[in-house]
PDB file of N, CA and C in Angstrom:
ATOM      1  N   MET A   1      -2.716  22.234  -3.793  1.00  0.00           N
ATOM      2  CA  MET A   1      -4.103  22.635  -3.756  1.00  0.00           C
ATOM      3  C   MET A   1      -4.980  21.625  -4.518  1.00  0.00           C
ATOM      4  N   ARG A   2      -4.462  21.092  -5.631  1.00  0.00           N
ATOM      5  CA  ARG A   2      -5.244  20.098  -6.370  1.00  0.00           C
ATOM      6  C   ARG A   2      -5.475  18.855  -5.530  1.00  0.00           C
ATOM      7  N   LEU A   3      -4.519  18.531  -4.664  1.00  0.00           N
ATOM      8  CA  LEU A   3      -4.667  17.373  -3.792  1.00  0.00           C
ATOM      9  C   LEU A   3      -5.876  17.550  -2.880  1.00  0.00           C
ATOM     10  N   TYR A   4      -6.073  18.762  -2.362  1.00  0.00           N
ATOM     11  CA  TYR A   4      -7.225  19.026  -1.503  1.00  0.00           C
ATOM     12  C   TYR A   4      -8.528  18.784  -2.249  1.00  0.00           C
ATOM     13  N   VAL A   5      -8.595  19.223  -3.483  1.00  0.00           N
ATOM     14  CA  VAL A   5      -9.814  19.045  -4.278  1.00  0.00           C
ATOM     15  C   VAL A   5     -10.077  17.565  -4.499  1.00  0.00           C
ATOM     16  N   ILE A   6      -9.029  16.813  -4.785  1.00  0.00           N
ATOM     17  CA  ILE A   6      -9.181  15.376  -4.986  1.00  0.00           C
ATOM     18  C   ILE A   6      -9.644  14.705  -3.702  1.00  0.00           C
ATOM     19  N   LEU A   7      -9.065  15.103  -2.571  1.00  0.00           N
ATOM     20  CA  LEU A   7      -9.466  14.521  -1.292  1.00  0.00           C
ATOM     21  C   LEU A   7     -10.914  14.846  -0.958  1.00  0.00           C
ATOM     22  N   ILE A   8     -11.316  16.070  -1.204  1.00  0.00           N
ATOM     23  CA  ILE A   8     -12.703  16.456  -0.929  1.00  0.00           C
ATOM     24  C   ILE A   8     -13.648  15.643  -1.806  1.00  0.00           C
ATOM     25  N   PHE A   9     -13.312  15.502  -3.081  1.00  0.00           N
ATOM     26  CA  PHE A   9     -14.151  14.728  -3.977  1.00  0.00           C
ATOM     27  C   PHE A   9     -14.257  13.280  -3.493  1.00  0.00           C
ATOM     28  N   ALA A  10     -13.139  12.706  -3.086  1.00  0.00           N
ATOM     29  CA  ALA A  10     -13.148  11.328  -2.590  1.00  0.00           C
ATOM     30  C   ALA A  10     -14.012  11.202  -1.347  1.00  0.00           C
ATOM     31  N   LEU A  11     -13.944  12.182  -0.471  1.00  0.00           N
ATOM     32  CA  LEU A  11     -14.775  12.156   0.736  1.00  0.00           C
ATOM     33  C   LEU A  11     -16.252  12.250   0.395  1.00  0.00           C
ATOM     34  N   MET A  12     -16.579  13.085  -0.558  1.00  0.00           N
ATOM     35  CA  MET A  12     -17.981  13.255  -0.934  1.00  0.00           C
ATOM     36  C   MET A  12     -18.529  11.984  -1.592  1.00  0.00           C
ATOM     37  N   VAL A  13     -17.738  11.340  -2.425  1.00  0.00           N
ATOM     38  CA  VAL A  13     -18.188  10.126  -3.100  1.00  0.00           C
ATOM     39  C   VAL A  13     -18.350   8.985  -2.109  1.00  0.00           C
ATOM     40  N   THR A  14     -17.385   8.790  -1.231  1.00  0.00           N
ATOM     41  CA  THR A  14     -17.492   7.698  -0.267  1.00  0.00           C
ATOM     42  C   THR A  14     -18.529   8.001   0.803  1.00  0.00           C
ATOM     43  N   GLY A  15     -18.880   9.249   0.977  1.00  0.00           N
ATOM     44  CA  GLY A  15     -19.885   9.618   1.973  1.00  0.00           C
ATOM     45  C   GLY A  15     -21.301   9.357   1.523  1.00  0.00           C
ATOM     46  N   CYS A  16     -21.505   8.823   0.321  1.00  0.00           N
ATOM     47  CA  CYS A  16     -22.846   8.613  -0.212  1.00  0.00           C
ATOM     48  C   CYS A  16     -23.408   7.241   0.108  1.00  0.00           C
ATOM     49  N   SER A  17     -22.719   6.438   0.880  1.00  0.00           N
ATOM     50  CA  SER A  17     -23.227   5.107   1.187  1.00  0.00           C
ATOM     51  C   SER A  17     -24.260   5.177   2.296  1.00  0.00           C
ATOM     52  N   GLU A  18     -25.086   4.145   2.372  1.00  0.00           N
ATOM     53  CA  GLU A  18     -26.141   4.141   3.380  1.00  0.00           C
ATOM     54  C   GLU A  18     -25.601   3.846   4.778  1.00  0.00           C
ATOM     55  N   ASP A  19     -24.379   3.387   4.900  1.00  0.00           N
ATOM     56  CA  ASP A  19     -23.786   3.081   6.193  1.00  0.00           C
ATOM     57  C   ASP A  19     -22.936   4.232   6.719  1.00  0.00           C
ATOM     58  N   LEU A  20     -23.210   5.445   6.296  1.00  0.00           N
ATOM     59  CA  LEU A  20     -22.382   6.587   6.672  1.00  0.00           C
ATOM     60  C   LEU A  20     -22.319   6.765   8.182  1.00  0.00           C
ATOM     61  N   ASP A  21     -23.443   6.652   8.855  1.00  0.00           N
ATOM     62  CA  ASP A  21     -23.442   6.819  10.312  1.00  0.00           C
ATOM     63  C   ASP A  21     -22.563   5.775  10.984  1.00  0.00           C
ATOM     64  N   ASP A  22     -22.579   4.539  10.475  1.00  0.00           N
ATOM     65  CA  ASP A  22     -21.729   3.497  11.044  1.00  0.00           C
ATOM     66  C   ASP A  22     -20.256   3.817  10.828  1.00  0.00           C
ATOM     67  N   LYS A  23     -19.916   4.330   9.644  1.00  0.00           N
ATOM     68  CA  LYS A  23     -18.526   4.678   9.360  1.00  0.00           C
ATOM     69  C   LYS A  23     -18.057   5.822  10.247  1.00  0.00           C
ATOM     70  N   VAL A  24     -18.916   6.804  10.447  1.00  0.00           N
ATOM     71  CA  VAL A  24     -18.561   7.936  11.312  1.00  0.00           C
ATOM     72  C   VAL A  24     -18.363   7.452  12.741  1.00  0.00           C
ATOM     73  N   ASN A  25     -19.236   6.580  13.215  1.00  0.00           N
ATOM     74  CA  ASN A  25     -19.085   6.055  14.573  1.00  0.00           C
ATOM     75  C   ASN A  25     -17.768   5.311  14.737  1.00  0.00           C
ATOM     76  N   ASP A  26     -17.367   4.541  13.716  1.00  0.00           N
ATOM     77  CA  ASP A  26     -16.082   3.845  13.778  1.00  0.00           C
ATOM     78  C   ASP A  26     -14.921   4.834  13.823  1.00  0.00           C
ATOM     79  N   LEU A  27     -14.998   5.895  13.013  1.00  0.00           N
ATOM     80  CA  LEU A  27     -13.932   6.898  13.001  1.00  0.00           C
ATOM     81  C   LEU A  27     -13.859   7.653  14.318  1.00  0.00           C
ATOM     82  N   GLU A  28     -15.008   7.914  14.941  1.00  0.00           N
ATOM     83  CA  GLU A  28     -15.018   8.658  16.202  1.00  0.00           C
ATOM     84  C   GLU A  28     -14.247   7.913  17.287  1.00  0.00           C
ATOM     85  N   LYS A  29     -14.204   6.603  17.207  1.00  0.00           N
ATOM     86  CA  LYS A  29     -13.460   5.813  18.189  1.00  0.00           C
ATOM     87  C   LYS A  29     -11.951   6.030  18.062  1.00  0.00           C
ATOM     88  N   LEU A  30     -11.497   6.437  16.876  1.00  0.00           N
ATOM     89  CA  LEU A  30     -10.072   6.602  16.619  1.00  0.00           C
ATOM     90  C   LEU A  30      -9.574   8.032  16.771  1.00  0.00           C
ATOM     91  N   THR A  31     -10.478   8.980  16.939  1.00  0.00           N
ATOM     92  CA  THR A  31     -10.074  10.389  16.962  1.00  0.00           C
ATOM     93  C   THR A  31      -9.424  10.757  18.293  1.00  0.00           C
ATOM     94  N   SER A  32      -8.682  11.858  18.258  1.00  0.00           N
ATOM     95  CA  SER A  32      -8.054  12.367  19.474  1.00  0.00           C
ATOM     96  C   SER A  32      -8.112  13.893  19.440  1.00  0.00           C
ATOM     97  N   THR A  33      -7.729  14.507  20.533  1.00  0.00           N
ATOM     98  CA  THR A  33      -7.708  15.961  20.605  1.00  0.00           C
ATOM     99  C   THR A  33      -6.768  16.509  19.536  1.00  0.00           C
ATOM    100  N   GLY A  34      -7.201  17.547  18.849  1.00  0.00           N
ATOM    101  CA  GLY A  34      -6.400  18.133  17.781  1.00  0.00           C
ATOM    102  C   GLY A  34      -6.862  17.725  16.394  1.00  0.00           C
ATOM    103  N   ASP A  35      -7.708  16.697  16.304  1.00  0.00           N
ATOM    104  CA  ASP A  35      -8.285  16.296  15.031  1.00  0.00           C
ATOM    105  C   ASP A  35      -9.466  17.202  14.715  1.00  0.00           C
ATOM    106  N   TYR A  36      -9.785  17.336  13.436  1.00  0.00           N
ATOM    107  CA  TYR A  36     -10.903  18.182  13.002  1.00  0.00           C
ATOM    108  C   TYR A  36     -11.823  17.417  12.072  1.00  0.00           C
ATOM    109  N   TRP A  37     -13.113  17.627  12.245  1.00  0.00           N
ATOM    110  CA  TRP A  37     -14.125  17.092  11.346  1.00  0.00           C
ATOM    111  C   TRP A  37     -14.543  18.175  10.361  1.00  0.00           C
ATOM    112  N   ILE A  38     -14.772  17.776   9.116  1.00  0.00           N
ATOM    113  CA  ILE A  38     -15.451  18.642   8.150  1.00  0.00           C
ATOM    114  C   ILE A  38     -16.925  18.298   8.274  1.00  0.00           C
ATOM    115  N   VAL A  39     -17.723  19.290   8.634  1.00  0.00           N
ATOM    116  CA  VAL A  39     -19.141  19.072   8.898  1.00  0.00           C
ATOM    117  C   VAL A  39     -19.963  19.868   7.885  1.00  0.00           C
ATOM    118  N   LYS A  40     -20.927  19.188   7.262  1.00  0.00           N
ATOM    119  CA  LYS A  40     -21.787  19.820   6.261  1.00  0.00           C
ATOM    120  C   LYS A  40     -23.219  19.825   6.767  1.00  0.00           C
ATOM    121  N   GLN A  41     -23.872  20.962   6.622  1.00  0.00           N
ATOM    122  CA  GLN A  41     -25.279  21.074   7.007  1.00  0.00           C
ATOM    123  C   GLN A  41     -26.131  20.366   5.963  1.00  0.00           C
ATOM    124  N   GLY A  42     -27.156  19.663   6.407  1.00  0.00           N
ATOM    125  CA  GLY A  42     -28.031  18.945   5.489  1.00  0.00           C
ATOM    126  C   GLY A  42     -28.762  19.878   4.539  1.00  0.00           C
ATOM    127  N   ASP A  43     -28.990  19.400   3.319  1.00  0.00           N
ATOM    128  CA  ASP A  43     -29.708  20.198   2.328  1.00  0.00           C
ATOM    129  C   ASP A  43     -31.204  20.237   2.608  1.00  0.00           C
ATOM    130  N   TYR A  44     -31.769  19.090   2.916  1.00  0.00           N
ATOM    131  CA  TYR A  44     -33.211  19.010   3.135  1.00  0.00           C
ATOM    132  C   TYR A  44     -33.569  19.079   4.604  1.00  0.00           C
ATOM    133  N   TYR A  45     -32.735  18.474   5.431  1.00  0.00           N
ATOM    134  CA  TYR A  45     -32.940  18.517   6.872  1.00  0.00           C
ATOM    135  C   TYR A  45     -31.887  19.452   7.444  1.00  0.00           C
ATOM    136  N   VAL A  46     -32.223  20.721   7.530  1.00  0.00           N
ATOM    137  CA  VAL A  46     -31.255  21.754   7.902  1.00  0.00           C
ATOM    138  C   VAL A  46     -30.684  21.513   9.291  1.00  0.00           C
ATOM    139  N   GLU A  47     -31.462  20.911  10.172  1.00  0.00           N
ATOM    140  CA  GLU A  47     -30.972  20.676  11.532  1.00  0.00           C
ATOM    141  C   GLU A  47     -29.953  19.536  11.585  1.00  0.00           C
ATOM    142  N   ARG A  48     -29.839  18.755  10.531  1.00  0.00           N
ATOM    143  CA  ARG A  48     -28.909  17.620  10.488  1.00  0.00           C
ATOM    144  C   ARG A  48     -27.516  18.082  10.081  1.00  0.00           C
ATOM    145  N   GLN A  49     -26.508  17.661  10.819  1.00  0.00           N
ATOM    146  CA  GLN A  49     -25.115  17.972  10.527  1.00  0.00           C
ATOM    147  C   GLN A  49     -24.419  16.663  10.158  1.00  0.00           C
ATOM    148  N   TYR A  50     -23.820  16.612   8.973  1.00  0.00           N
ATOM    149  CA  TYR A  50     -23.158  15.409   8.499  1.00  0.00           C
ATOM    150  C   TYR A  50     -21.642  15.555   8.607  1.00  0.00           C
ATOM    151  N   LYS A  51     -21.002  14.607   9.243  1.00  0.00           N
ATOM    152  CA  LYS A  51     -19.540  14.576   9.291  1.00  0.00           C
ATOM    153  C   LYS A  51     -19.081  13.908   8.005  1.00  0.00           C
ATOM    154  N   VAL A  52     -18.471  14.698   7.127  1.00  0.00           N
ATOM    155  CA  VAL A  52     -18.098  14.180   5.809  1.00  0.00           C
ATOM    156  C   VAL A  52     -16.595  13.981   5.648  1.00  0.00           C
ATOM    157  N   GLY A  53     -15.805  14.404   6.606  1.00  0.00           N
ATOM    158  CA  GLY A  53     -14.368  14.209   6.504  1.00  0.00           C
ATOM    159  C   GLY A  53     -13.690  14.372   7.848  1.00  0.00           C
ATOM    160  N   LEU A  54     -12.583  13.689   8.012  1.00  0.00           N
ATOM    161  CA  LEU A  54     -11.790  13.781   9.237  1.00  0.00           C
ATOM    162  C   LEU A  54     -10.374  14.197   8.868  1.00  0.00           C
ATOM    163  N   ILE A  55      -9.898  15.257   9.480  1.00  0.00           N
ATOM    164  CA  ILE A  55      -8.546  15.761   9.236  1.00  0.00           C
ATOM    165  C   ILE A  55      -7.685  15.401  10.446  1.00  0.00           C
ATOM    166  N   PHE A  56      -6.608  14.649  10.208  1.00  0.00           N
ATOM    167  CA  PHE A  56      -5.712  14.252  11.294  1.00  0.00           C
ATOM    168  C   PHE A  56      -4.315  14.017  10.738  1.00  0.00           C
ATOM    169  N   GLY A  57      -3.338  14.054  11.603  1.00  0.00           N
ATOM    170  CA  GLY A  57      -1.979  13.713  11.223  1.00  0.00           C
ATOM    171  C   GLY A  57      -1.136  14.853  10.665  1.00  0.00           C
ATOM    172  N   TYR A  58      -1.680  16.049  10.565  1.00  0.00           N
ATOM    173  CA  TYR A  58      -0.915  17.202  10.098  1.00  0.00           C
ATOM    174  C   TYR A  58      -0.364  17.964  11.301  1.00  0.00           C
ATOM    175  N   GLY A  59       0.611  18.800  11.075  1.00  0.00           N
ATOM    176  CA  GLY A  59       1.158  19.622  12.145  1.00  0.00           C
ATOM    177  C   GLY A  59       0.126  20.584  12.703  1.00  0.00           C
ATOM    178  N   ASN A  60      -0.727  21.105  11.823  1.00  0.00           N
ATOM    179  CA  ASN A  60      -1.797  22.009  12.226  1.00  0.00           C
ATOM    180  C   ASN A  60      -3.070  21.572  11.507  1.00  0.00           C
ATOM    181  N   ASN A  61      -3.805  20.654  12.121  1.00  0.00           N
ATOM    182  CA  ASN A  61      -5.011  20.099  11.499  1.00  0.00           C
ATOM    183  C   ASN A  61      -6.073  21.153  11.227  1.00  0.00           C
ATOM    184  N   GLY A  62      -6.179  22.149  12.091  1.00  0.00           N
ATOM    185  CA  GLY A  62      -7.175  23.203  11.907  1.00  0.00           C
ATOM    186  C   GLY A  62      -6.908  24.017  10.653  1.00  0.00           C
ATOM    187  N   LEU A  63      -5.654  24.334  10.409  1.00  0.00           N
ATOM    188  CA  LEU A  63      -5.280  25.092   9.216  1.00  0.00           C
ATOM    189  C   LEU A  63      -5.576  24.296   7.946  1.00  0.00           C
ATOM    190  N   VAL A  64      -5.231  23.031   7.948  1.00  0.00           N
ATOM    191  CA  VAL A  64      -5.494  22.173   6.783  1.00  0.00           C
ATOM    192  C   VAL A  64      -6.996  22.048   6.550  1.00  0.00           C
ATOM    193  N   CYS A  65      -7.759  21.883   7.606  1.00  0.00           N
ATOM    194  CA  CYS A  65      -9.216  21.779   7.485  1.00  0.00           C
ATOM    195  C   CYS A  65      -9.797  23.046   6.869  1.00  0.00           C
ATOM    196  N   ASN A  66      -9.370  24.189   7.355  1.00  0.00           N
ATOM    197  CA  ASN A  66      -9.868  25.457   6.810  1.00  0.00           C
ATOM    198  C   ASN A  66      -9.467  25.639   5.349  1.00  0.00           C
ATOM    199  N   ASP A  67      -8.264  25.200   4.981  1.00  0.00           N
ATOM    200  CA  ASP A  67      -7.845  25.260   3.577  1.00  0.00           C
ATOM    201  C   ASP A  67      -8.741  24.379   2.708  1.00  0.00           C
ATOM    202  N   MET A  68      -9.062  23.195   3.200  1.00  0.00           N
ATOM    203  CA  MET A  68      -9.890  22.267   2.424  1.00  0.00           C
ATOM    204  C   MET A  68     -11.306  22.798   2.230  1.00  0.00           C
ATOM    205  N   ILE A  69     -11.887  23.362   3.272  1.00  0.00           N
ATOM    206  CA  ILE A  69     -13.254  23.855   3.089  1.00  0.00           C
ATOM    207  C   ILE A  69     -13.288  25.137   2.263  1.00  0.00           C
ATOM    208  N   ALA A  70     -12.198  25.900   2.260  1.00  0.00           N
ATOM    209  CA  ALA A  70     -12.133  27.083   1.397  1.00  0.00           C
ATOM    210  C   ALA A  70     -12.206  26.672  -0.068  1.00  0.00           C
ATOM    211  N   VAL A  71     -11.504  25.610  -0.429  1.00  0.00           N
ATOM    212  CA  VAL A  71     -11.554  25.092  -1.799  1.00  0.00           C
ATOM    213  C   VAL A  71     -12.957  24.578  -2.108  1.00  0.00           C
ATOM    214  N   TYR A  72     -13.537  23.857  -1.176  1.00  0.00           N
ATOM    215  CA  TYR A  72     -14.885  23.314  -1.365  1.00  0.00           C
ATOM    216  C   TYR A  72     -15.910  24.437  -1.555  1.00  0.00           C
ATOM    217  N   ARG A  73     -15.793  25.475  -0.750  1.00  0.00           N
ATOM    218  CA  ARG A  73     -16.758  26.586  -0.828  1.00  0.00           C
ATOM    219  C   ARG A  73     -16.691  27.323  -2.158  1.00  0.00           C
ATOM    220  N   ARG A  74     -15.511  27.364  -2.771  1.00  0.00           N
ATOM    221  CA  ARG A  74     -15.418  27.999  -4.089  1.00  0.00           C
ATOM    222  C   ARG A  74     -16.205  27.210  -5.127  1.00  0.00           C
ATOM    223  N   ALA A  75     -16.193  25.910  -5.016  1.00  0.00           N
ATOM    224  CA  ALA A  75     -16.915  25.060  -5.959  1.00  0.00           C
ATOM    225  C   ALA A  75     -18.402  24.967  -5.630  1.00  0.00           C
ATOM    226  N   HIS A  76     -18.754  25.058  -4.350  1.00  0.00           N
ATOM    227  CA  HIS A  76     -20.144  24.909  -3.894  1.00  0.00           C
ATOM    228  C   HIS A  76     -20.493  26.041  -2.920  1.00  0.00           C
ATOM    229  N   PRO A  77     -20.678  27.251  -3.423  1.00  0.00           N
ATOM    230  CA  PRO A  77     -20.872  28.400  -2.529  1.00  0.00           C
ATOM    231  C   PRO A  77     -22.160  28.353  -1.710  1.00  0.00           C
ATOM    232  N   ASN A  78     -23.140  27.579  -2.117  1.00  0.00           N
ATOM    233  CA  ASN A  78     -24.408  27.532  -1.378  1.00  0.00           C
ATOM    234  C   ASN A  78     -24.403  26.512  -0.241  1.00  0.00           C
ATOM    235  N   ASP A  79     -23.427  25.617  -0.221  1.00  0.00           N
ATOM    236  CA  ASP A  79     -23.343  24.623   0.846  1.00  0.00           C
ATOM    237  C   ASP A  79     -22.771  25.245   2.109  1.00  0.00           C
ATOM    238  N   LYS A  80     -23.257  24.791   3.226  1.00  0.00           N
ATOM    239  CA  LYS A  80     -22.770  25.270   4.518  1.00  0.00           C
ATOM    240  C   LYS A  80     -21.854  24.190   5.107  1.00  0.00           C
ATOM    241  N   VAL A  81     -20.540  24.480   5.073  1.00  0.00           N
ATOM    242  CA  VAL A  81     -19.526  23.545   5.525  1.00  0.00           C
ATOM    243  C   VAL A  81     -18.643  24.258   6.539  1.00  0.00           C
ATOM    244  N   ARG A  82     -18.222  23.528   7.583  1.00  0.00           N
ATOM    245  CA  ARG A  82     -17.360  24.139   8.591  1.00  0.00           C
ATOM    246  C   ARG A  82     -16.445  23.083   9.196  1.00  0.00           C
ATOM    247  N   CYS A  83     -15.436  23.556   9.903  1.00  0.00           N
ATOM    248  CA  CYS A  83     -14.521  22.678  10.624  1.00  0.00           C
ATOM    249  C   CYS A  83     -14.917  22.646  12.099  1.00  0.00           C
ATOM    250  N   VAL A  84     -14.901  21.451  12.666  1.00  0.00           N
ATOM    251  CA  VAL A  84     -15.236  21.283  14.077  1.00  0.00           C
ATOM    252  C   VAL A  84     -14.112  20.490  14.743  1.00  0.00           C
ATOM    253  N   ALA A  85     -13.553  21.069  15.795  1.00  0.00           N
ATOM    254  CA  ALA A  85     -12.470  20.402  16.519  1.00  0.00           C
ATOM    255  C   ALA A  85     -13.010  19.236  17.333  1.00  0.00           C
ATOM    256  N   GLU A  86     -12.270  18.145  17.317  1.00  0.00           N
ATOM    257  CA  GLU A  86     -12.620  16.980  18.126  1.00  0.00           C
ATOM    258  C   GLU A  86     -12.310  17.299  19.578  1.00  0.00           C
ATOM    259  N   LYS A  87     -13.199  16.939  20.453  1.00  0.00           N
ATOM    260  CA  LYS A  87     -13.025  17.247  21.889  1.00  0.00           C
ATOM    261  C   LYS A  87     -12.213  16.204  22.580  1.00  0.00           C
TER     262      LYS A  87
END
């Protein structure tokens, strides 16, 4: 469980760069069916959805994604975070 918290923190820190959209576009090229994105609703621009993490390579990516956001929600209950399956 501590590993999930560390991973979430790392994702949040690296997600603060100004090239975030470029990084997400690069990651989208590598995704496949069964992968999950961690998506966070914008604080100031509520209509904006930010892809802040990509879950892949696990036996059940959806379960791991839900576990990770459950940990995140305990630390940040006011943030709106969800898992979105890659199409």
